[in-house]
Every structure is written in structure tokens, then in C-alpha cells.
């Protein structure tokens, strides 16, 4: 019998100073049994970093033909395709041909190897943004992850500030390809 997905209730108070975005993002997110807590945290952070109205979580890791997060326009076109993790560069290149904009929050234990192998292939894609965060922070947040996530996130001057309970964390958003 297959293990069931874990369900998380997400409540993010987002203040993105540069973009003038002040939103409360509420969502229910399923963690597939094969998905790590670090990857789930990265998905939650990605929806804040790349936020725009109508951006939604997809079925996640269990849907191989969908990104982790996307914005589908009223005419069915993919306006924003957001990946999380360390996908093959071919997947990102293909997405860039079919979506108006593509974004990747590159995260994972082998990020430096992925950077060396895949970033050169992605440098010239005009509609692509690749960013990363401190992996140690993602791991720390994953170790404290609860089924009800209540985070306050402020993004300003290339830095993300995250408050959960009485704890506040900060890390730079490293832009590797494109711009924010």
C-alpha cells in the first residue's frame, strides 16, 4: 500500500518591497511521500520569491509534465513556469519554449555540481531567471517544519527575511541567470 501525502496549511504574509507586493498567501500543499522536507520548504519559498496573482502550486513531484508552481492565463497559456530543485537543463530549456517566463529556485545538496554542469547551458535563455538561497537555511527551516506553516516574509534589496514564531532568519537571494 502506498504511503499517503502529508498535507500542510500554508499562511505567508509577504512584503516584497522592490515590487510593491503586499499579500497574504494561503494554500494547502501536499508533500508527496518521496519529497523531502527541504524540497517542500523550497517550494514554499519559491511561491513567495516569484509571487504574482494567480500563481498556484501544481501537483508537485508526482506530475512530471508540470512545474512545481505556475500561472496559467485565462487563454490556457503558461505565463510563469516555476521549478524547484536541480532539474535537468533540457527540462528548463523546453519549458522556456512553452512559457512566457520560467523561474528556477535551484536548491539541493549537490547545488555546486549542478551549477557547473547546467548553468552554462542556461545562460542565454532570455525568459529565464535562476536563483538560489542558502541551503543551510532551507535545511534549518525543514527541521522545524510543522503541518501549519505561518511565516512572515519580507524581500528587500536582494535579501529575504523570514519570521516564524519568535525566530527571524535572513539570507541573500543569489541571482545566477536573468534578473528578478
Protein backbone atom coordinates (compact mmCIF):
# COMPACT_ATOMS: atom_id res chain seq x y z
CA UNK A 1 0.00 0.00 0.00
CA UNK A 2 1.38 3.41 -0.98
CA UNK A 3 2.07 5.99 1.67
CA UNK A 4 -0.29 8.97 1.65
CA UNK A 5 0.84 12.53 1.05
CA UNK A 6 1.23 14.85 4.04
CA UNK A 7 -0.95 17.93 3.91
CA UNK A 8 0.38 21.32 5.01
CA UNK A 9 -1.61 24.51 5.54
CA UNK A 10 0.42 27.49 4.38
CA UNK A 11 -0.11 31.09 5.50
CA UNK A 12 2.51 33.54 4.23
CA UNK A 13 2.44 37.26 4.92
CA UNK A 14 4.52 38.55 2.03
CA UNK A 15 6.06 42.00 1.73
CA UNK A 16 8.18 42.34 -1.41
CA UNK A 17 9.43 45.89 -1.12
CA UNK A 18 11.04 46.20 -4.59
CA UNK A 19 7.93 45.03 -6.42
CA UNK A 20 5.47 46.79 -4.11
CA UNK A 21 3.75 43.49 -3.37
CA UNK A 22 1.98 43.05 -0.03
CA UNK A 23 -0.09 39.88 0.07
CA UNK A 24 -1.31 37.13 2.31
CA UNK A 25 -0.83 33.82 0.55
CA UNK A 26 -2.93 30.93 1.83
CA UNK A 27 -2.64 27.49 0.33
CA UNK A 28 -2.90 23.82 1.09
CA UNK A 29 0.15 21.91 -0.11
CA UNK A 30 0.62 18.17 -0.36
CA UNK A 31 4.04 16.65 0.30
CA UNK A 32 4.46 13.54 -1.83
CA UNK A 33 5.92 10.60 0.16
CA UNK A 34 9.10 10.76 -1.95
CA UNK A 35 9.55 14.52 -1.46
CA UNK A 36 11.94 15.74 1.23
CA UNK A 37 11.06 18.45 3.72
CA UNK A 38 13.85 20.58 2.21
CA UNK A 39 12.21 20.45 -1.21
CA UNK A 40 8.83 21.30 0.29
CA UNK A 41 10.36 24.32 2.08
CA UNK A 42 11.96 25.39 -1.20
CA UNK A 43 8.56 25.20 -2.94
CA UNK A 44 7.01 27.38 -0.25
CA UNK A 45 9.84 29.91 -0.52
CA UNK A 46 9.58 29.88 -4.33
CA UNK A 47 5.93 30.93 -4.26
CA UNK A 48 6.96 33.95 -2.18
CA UNK A 49 10.04 34.86 -4.24
CA UNK A 50 8.26 34.62 -7.60
CA UNK A 51 4.82 35.68 -6.37
CA UNK A 52 2.26 37.13 -8.72
CA UNK A 53 -1.54 36.95 -8.59
CA UNK A 54 -2.94 33.59 -9.69
CA UNK A 55 0.34 31.75 -9.07
CA UNK A 56 -0.58 28.28 -7.79
CA UNK A 57 1.03 25.08 -6.62
CA UNK A 58 0.64 22.18 -9.03
CA UNK A 59 0.52 18.51 -8.15
CA UNK A 60 4.24 18.80 -7.48
CA UNK A 61 6.73 15.98 -7.79
CA UNK A 62 4.05 13.49 -8.86
CA UNK A 63 3.22 15.45 -12.05
CA UNK A 64 6.19 15.11 -14.38
CA UNK A 65 4.66 17.27 -17.12
CA UNK A 66 4.01 20.24 -14.81
CA UNK A 67 6.30 22.56 -12.86
CA UNK A 68 6.10 22.91 -9.09
CA UNK A 69 4.25 26.23 -9.36
CA UNK A 70 2.68 28.01 -12.29
CA UNK A 71 0.44 30.77 -13.53
CA UNK A 72 -1.89 29.77 -16.32
CA UNK A 73 -3.55 32.65 -18.17
CA UNK A 74 -7.26 32.77 -18.99
CA UNK A 75 -6.48 31.59 -22.51
CA UNK A 76 -4.66 28.48 -21.25
CA UNK A 77 -1.12 29.75 -21.95
CA UNK A 78 1.53 29.28 -19.29
CA UNK A 79 2.53 32.76 -18.18
CA UNK A 80 5.00 31.67 -15.48
CA UNK A 81 6.57 28.23 -15.00
CA UNK A 82 8.44 27.81 -11.68
CA UNK A 83 10.68 24.83 -10.94
CA UNK A 84 12.32 23.96 -7.62
CA UNK A 85 15.35 21.76 -7.05
CA UNK A 86 18.00 20.66 -9.52
CA UNK A 87 16.24 19.75 -12.77
CA UNK A 88 17.99 18.73 -15.95
CA UNK A 89 18.82 21.74 -18.13
CA UNK A 90 16.85 20.17 -21.01
CA UNK A 91 13.66 20.42 -18.92
CA UNK A 92 14.25 24.13 -18.31
CA UNK A 93 15.09 24.78 -21.97
CA UNK A 94 11.90 23.02 -23.06
CA UNK A 95 9.83 25.00 -20.52
CA UNK A 96 11.35 28.26 -21.81
CA UNK A 97 9.97 27.48 -25.27
CA UNK A 98 6.43 26.92 -23.99
CA UNK A 99 6.05 29.50 -21.21
CA UNK A 100 6.30 33.28 -21.32
CA UNK A 101 8.60 33.26 -18.28
CA UNK A 102 10.47 30.48 -16.48
CA UNK A 103 11.95 30.65 -13.00
CA UNK A 104 14.01 28.18 -11.00
CA UNK A 105 14.79 28.18 -7.31
CA UNK A 106 17.87 25.96 -7.55
CA UNK A 107 18.27 24.07 -4.31
CA UNK A 108 19.65 20.78 -3.16
CA UNK A 109 22.69 19.18 -1.60
CA UNK A 110 24.57 18.98 -4.93
CA UNK A 111 23.87 22.58 -5.98
CA UNK A 112 27.51 23.46 -6.70
CA UNK A 113 27.88 20.46 -9.04
CA UNK A 114 24.57 21.32 -10.72
CA UNK A 115 25.75 24.93 -11.22
CA UNK A 116 28.91 23.76 -13.00
CA UNK A 117 27.09 21.26 -15.20
CA UNK A 118 23.86 23.11 -16.08
CA UNK A 119 24.23 26.89 -15.69
CA UNK A 120 26.42 27.28 -18.81
CA UNK A 121 23.62 25.69 -20.87
CA UNK A 122 21.03 28.13 -19.44
CA UNK A 123 22.92 31.44 -19.63
CA UNK A 124 21.42 32.66 -22.92
CA UNK A 125 17.75 31.94 -22.27
CA UNK A 126 16.09 35.37 -22.30
CA UNK A 127 12.90 34.46 -20.39
CA UNK A 128 14.66 32.54 -17.57
CA UNK A 129 15.55 33.53 -14.02
CA UNK A 130 17.59 31.17 -11.82
CA UNK A 131 18.08 31.99 -8.15
CA UNK A 132 19.29 30.12 -5.10
CA UNK A 133 19.20 30.56 -1.34
CA UNK A 134 21.48 29.37 1.42
CA UNK A 135 20.89 25.61 1.59
CA UNK A 136 21.67 25.59 5.33
CA UNK A 137 18.69 27.90 5.93
CA UNK A 138 16.40 25.67 3.87
CA UNK A 139 17.57 22.66 5.90
CA UNK A 140 17.03 24.53 9.18
CA UNK A 141 13.51 25.55 8.19
CA UNK A 142 12.79 21.97 7.11
CA UNK A 143 13.88 20.66 10.52
CA UNK A 144 11.34 23.00 12.18
CA UNK A 145 8.54 22.43 9.67
CA UNK A 146 5.07 22.00 11.13
CA UNK A 147 1.85 20.99 9.40
CA UNK A 148 0.60 24.56 9.78
CA UNK A 149 3.15 26.98 8.31
CA UNK A 150 2.81 30.62 9.38
CA UNK A 151 5.66 32.70 8.02
CA UNK A 152 6.14 36.40 7.56
CA UNK A 153 8.43 37.04 4.59
CA UNK A 154 9.97 40.35 3.63
CA UNK A 155 12.04 40.65 0.45
CA UNK A 156 14.15 43.75 0.02
CA UNK A 157 17.49 44.64 -1.57
CA UNK A 158 18.13 41.06 -2.70
CA UNK A 159 17.59 39.62 0.78
CA UNK A 160 14.78 37.52 2.16
CA UNK A 161 13.84 37.94 5.83
CA UNK A 162 11.65 35.18 7.24
CA UNK A 163 9.98 35.25 10.64
CA UNK A 164 8.36 32.20 12.15
CA UNK A 165 7.22 32.40 15.75
CA UNK A 166 9.90 34.29 17.69
CA UNK A 167 12.70 33.43 15.21
CA UNK A 168 13.85 35.59 12.30
CA UNK A 169 16.21 34.40 9.58
CA UNK A 170 17.78 36.15 6.63
CA UNK A 171 19.61 35.10 3.51
CA UNK A 172 20.59 36.60 0.19
CA UNK A 173 18.69 35.71 -2.94
CA UNK A 174 21.52 34.82 -5.33
CA UNK A 175 20.56 35.53 -8.93
CA UNK A 176 22.52 33.17 -11.18
CA UNK A 177 20.76 33.72 -14.51
CA UNK A 178 18.46 36.52 -15.60
CA UNK A 179 17.07 39.10 -13.22
CA UNK A 180 14.41 39.29 -10.57
